[in-house]
Amino acid sequence: MRKLRTSELKRLSVEEYKEITKMPIAIVMDNIRSLNNVGSVFRTSDALKVEKIILCGITATPPNKEIHKTALGAEDAVDWQYVEETTSAIDQLKAEGWTICSLEQVENSTSLLDFEPQANAKYALVLGNEVKGVQQKVVNMSDVCIEIPQYGTKHSFNVSVSCGIVLWELFRKLQ
């Protein structure tokens, strides 16, 4: 085996990426404080063809040197917008027919292992603040709360890691 050269990876240009069909998935970042997490979510969203990212509250927006450090240019490819209040973003998404899926540990959450996305639906995945999680008022507006099973002594993943786990599972199930 040999490692592939960058030229062999068949990467799309930003212009080509903008034209391809995306997964019916949006990411809502609810007050994410780490610029590295924001950049990492952009990069993962690019890799898995996320339709758009909505940055809310204190979440930083591109252009930003620290976001770019982990996004590596994905912030130029993935459509994004800033909405000050997460609840306003959720109201707009609901009006557009999106199913709101908060990634949070709540009573009666749905295990990621049991969540079965429907092929004709659009899903907005809400990621919460690194310390406080998804705001309770946003949880209350959610159609479902998805929880990633965890088996060790810690009961949380890094925000960008959580996003990657859930996006991969949704991508895999919707393909």
Protein backbone atom coordinates (compact mmCIF):
# COMPACT_ATOMS: atom_id res chain seq x y z
CA MET A 1 0.00 0.00 0.00
CA ARG A 2 1.09 3.55 -0.59
CA LYS A 3 -0.39 6.80 0.59
CA LEU A 4 -2.23 8.75 -2.08
CA ARG A 5 -0.92 12.09 -3.24
CA THR A 6 -3.16 15.10 -2.82
CA SER A 7 -3.56 15.25 -6.60
CA GLU A 8 -5.02 11.71 -6.56
CA LEU A 9 -7.81 12.47 -4.05
CA LYS A 10 -10.25 13.88 -6.64
CA ARG A 11 -11.17 16.82 -4.43
CA LEU A 12 -13.80 19.23 -5.65
CA SER A 13 -13.12 22.91 -6.08
CA VAL A 14 -15.23 25.29 -3.97
CA GLU A 15 -17.23 26.12 -7.10
CA GLU A 16 -17.85 22.42 -7.86
CA TYR A 17 -18.81 21.78 -4.23
CA LYS A 18 -21.38 24.59 -4.34
CA GLU A 19 -23.08 22.84 -7.30
CA ILE A 20 -23.34 19.28 -5.97
CA THR A 21 -26.41 17.85 -4.26
CA LYS A 22 -26.07 18.13 -0.50
CA MET A 23 -27.35 15.93 2.29
CA PRO A 24 -30.64 17.27 3.75
CA ILE A 25 -28.81 18.24 6.95
CA ALA A 26 -28.23 21.62 8.57
CA ILE A 27 -26.05 22.27 11.60
CA VAL A 28 -27.16 24.82 14.21
CA MET A 29 -24.35 25.93 16.49
CA ASP A 30 -25.93 27.18 19.73
CA ASN A 31 -23.43 29.48 21.46
CA ILE A 32 -20.26 27.53 20.65
CA ARG A 33 -17.34 29.35 22.24
CA SER A 34 -14.36 27.49 20.76
CA LEU A 35 -13.21 28.71 17.38
CA ASN A 36 -11.46 25.37 16.88
CA ASN A 37 -14.80 23.59 17.31
CA VAL A 38 -16.44 25.95 14.81
CA GLY A 39 -13.69 25.31 12.26
CA SER A 40 -13.79 21.57 12.81
CA VAL A 41 -17.57 21.48 12.30
CA PHE A 42 -17.14 23.36 9.02
CA ARG A 43 -14.52 20.85 7.87
CA THR A 44 -16.61 17.81 8.81
CA SER A 45 -19.70 19.39 7.25
CA ASP A 46 -17.78 19.90 4.00
CA ALA A 47 -16.62 16.27 3.96
CA LEU A 48 -20.14 14.93 4.50
CA LYS A 49 -21.98 17.37 2.20
CA VAL A 50 -24.00 19.26 4.82
CA GLU A 51 -26.42 21.73 3.25
CA LYS A 52 -25.73 24.64 5.60
CA ILE A 53 -24.50 25.78 8.99
CA ILE A 54 -26.28 28.34 11.16
CA LEU A 55 -24.08 30.08 13.70
CA CYS A 56 -25.95 31.51 16.70
CA GLY A 57 -25.31 33.67 19.74
CA ILE A 58 -21.65 33.92 20.78
CA THR A 59 -20.55 31.53 18.02
CA ALA A 60 -17.88 33.25 15.94
CA THR A 61 -18.27 33.62 12.18
CA PRO A 62 -15.90 33.52 9.24
CA PRO A 63 -13.72 35.10 8.11
CA ASN A 64 -11.65 34.34 11.16
CA LYS A 65 -8.03 33.21 11.37
CA GLU A 66 -8.72 30.78 14.23
CA ILE A 67 -11.72 29.19 12.47
CA HIS A 68 -9.68 28.86 9.29
CA LYS A 69 -6.91 27.06 11.20
CA THR A 70 -9.16 23.98 11.62
CA ALA A 71 -11.63 24.53 8.77
CA LEU A 72 -8.82 24.71 6.20
CA GLY A 73 -11.04 26.57 3.74
CA ALA A 74 -14.25 24.60 4.31
CA GLU A 75 -15.78 27.83 5.62
CA ASP A 76 -15.67 29.05 2.00
CA ALA A 77 -17.41 25.95 0.62
CA VAL A 78 -20.21 25.25 3.12
CA ASP A 79 -23.10 27.72 3.09
CA TRP A 80 -23.53 29.46 6.42
CA GLN A 81 -25.43 32.27 8.05
CA TYR A 82 -25.44 34.01 11.41
CA VAL A 83 -28.64 34.33 13.49
CA GLU A 84 -28.35 36.08 16.84
CA GLU A 85 -30.97 34.03 18.70
CA THR A 86 -30.94 30.26 18.34
CA THR A 87 -34.71 30.16 18.92
CA SER A 88 -35.22 32.44 15.91
CA ALA A 89 -33.12 30.10 13.77
CA ILE A 90 -35.19 27.13 15.00
CA ASP A 91 -38.47 28.94 14.23
CA GLN A 92 -37.25 29.64 10.69
CA LEU A 93 -36.08 26.06 10.15
CA LYS A 94 -39.39 24.68 11.42
CA ALA A 95 -41.27 27.01 9.05
CA GLU A 96 -39.15 25.56 6.21
CA GLY A 97 -40.05 21.98 7.19
CA TRP A 98 -36.85 20.92 8.94
CA THR A 99 -36.97 18.32 11.74
CA ILE A 100 -35.11 19.76 14.74
CA CYS A 101 -32.72 17.27 16.36
CA SER A 102 -30.86 18.53 19.40
CA LEU A 103 -27.79 16.58 20.38
CA GLU A 104 -28.30 16.47 24.13
CA GLN A 105 -28.73 14.20 27.14
CA VAL A 106 -32.35 14.57 28.22
CA GLU A 107 -35.16 12.49 29.66
CA ASN A 108 -36.49 10.13 27.01
CA SER A 109 -33.72 10.92 24.54
CA THR A 110 -33.37 8.78 21.43
CA SER A 111 -30.15 6.81 21.18
CA LEU A 112 -28.21 7.55 18.02
CA LEU A 113 -28.21 3.79 17.47
CA ASP A 114 -32.04 3.83 17.31
CA PHE A 115 -32.53 7.05 15.34
CA GLU A 116 -33.73 6.26 11.83
CA PRO A 117 -33.77 9.28 9.54
CA GLN A 118 -36.36 9.28 6.78
CA ALA A 119 -35.10 9.70 3.23
CA ASN A 120 -37.54 12.49 2.37
CA ALA A 121 -37.01 14.60 5.52
CA LYS A 122 -34.62 17.47 6.30
CA TYR A 123 -32.75 17.40 9.61
CA ALA A 124 -31.32 20.31 11.58
CA LEU A 125 -28.79 19.09 14.13
CA VAL A 126 -28.39 21.47 17.08
CA LEU A 127 -25.01 21.47 18.84
CA GLY A 128 -24.81 23.11 22.25
CA ASN A 129 -22.33 25.17 24.20
CA GLU A 130 -19.27 23.30 25.45
CA VAL A 131 -20.20 23.85 29.12
CA LYS A 132 -23.98 24.35 29.24
CA GLY A 133 -25.07 22.25 26.27
CA VAL A 134 -28.14 23.05 24.19
CA GLN A 135 -30.27 25.72 25.85
CA GLN A 136 -33.37 24.28 27.56
CA LYS A 137 -35.65 26.56 25.53
CA VAL A 138 -34.10 25.08 22.36
CA VAL A 139 -34.50 21.54 23.73
CA ASN A 140 -38.17 22.37 24.29
CA MET A 141 -38.51 23.36 20.61
CA SER A 142 -36.85 20.17 19.36
CA ASP A 143 -38.67 17.36 17.61
CA VAL A 144 -36.20 14.83 19.00
CA CYS A 145 -33.14 14.82 21.21
CA ILE A 146 -30.44 12.43 20.09
CA GLU A 147 -27.95 11.01 22.56
CA ILE A 148 -24.70 9.28 21.66
CA PRO A 149 -24.23 6.14 23.78
CA GLN A 150 -21.16 6.39 26.01
CA TYR A 151 -19.68 3.62 28.10
CA GLY A 152 -16.77 5.11 30.05
CA THR A 153 -16.41 7.36 33.07
CA LYS A 154 -17.08 10.59 31.14
CA HIS A 155 -20.50 11.48 29.85
CA SER A 156 -19.67 13.93 27.14
CA PHE A 157 -17.71 14.27 23.92
CA ASN A 158 -16.12 17.40 22.52
CA VAL A 159 -18.67 19.34 20.43
CA SER A 160 -16.88 18.77 17.14
CA VAL A 161 -16.35 15.07 17.91
CA SER A 162 -20.06 14.70 18.71
CA CYS A 163 -20.92 16.43 15.47
CA GLY A 164 -18.66 14.09 13.50
CA ILE A 165 -20.12 10.97 15.09
CA VAL A 166 -23.73 11.99 14.45
CA LEU A 167 -23.10 13.35 10.95
CA TRP A 168 -21.36 10.17 9.90
CA GLU A 169 -24.22 8.05 11.21
CA LEU A 170 -26.85 10.23 9.46
CA PHE A 171 -24.79 10.26 6.27
CA ARG A 172 -24.40 6.49 6.37
CA LYS A 173 -28.10 5.90 6.99
CA LEU A 174 -29.26 8.39 4.34
CA GLN A 175 -26.95 7.13 1.56
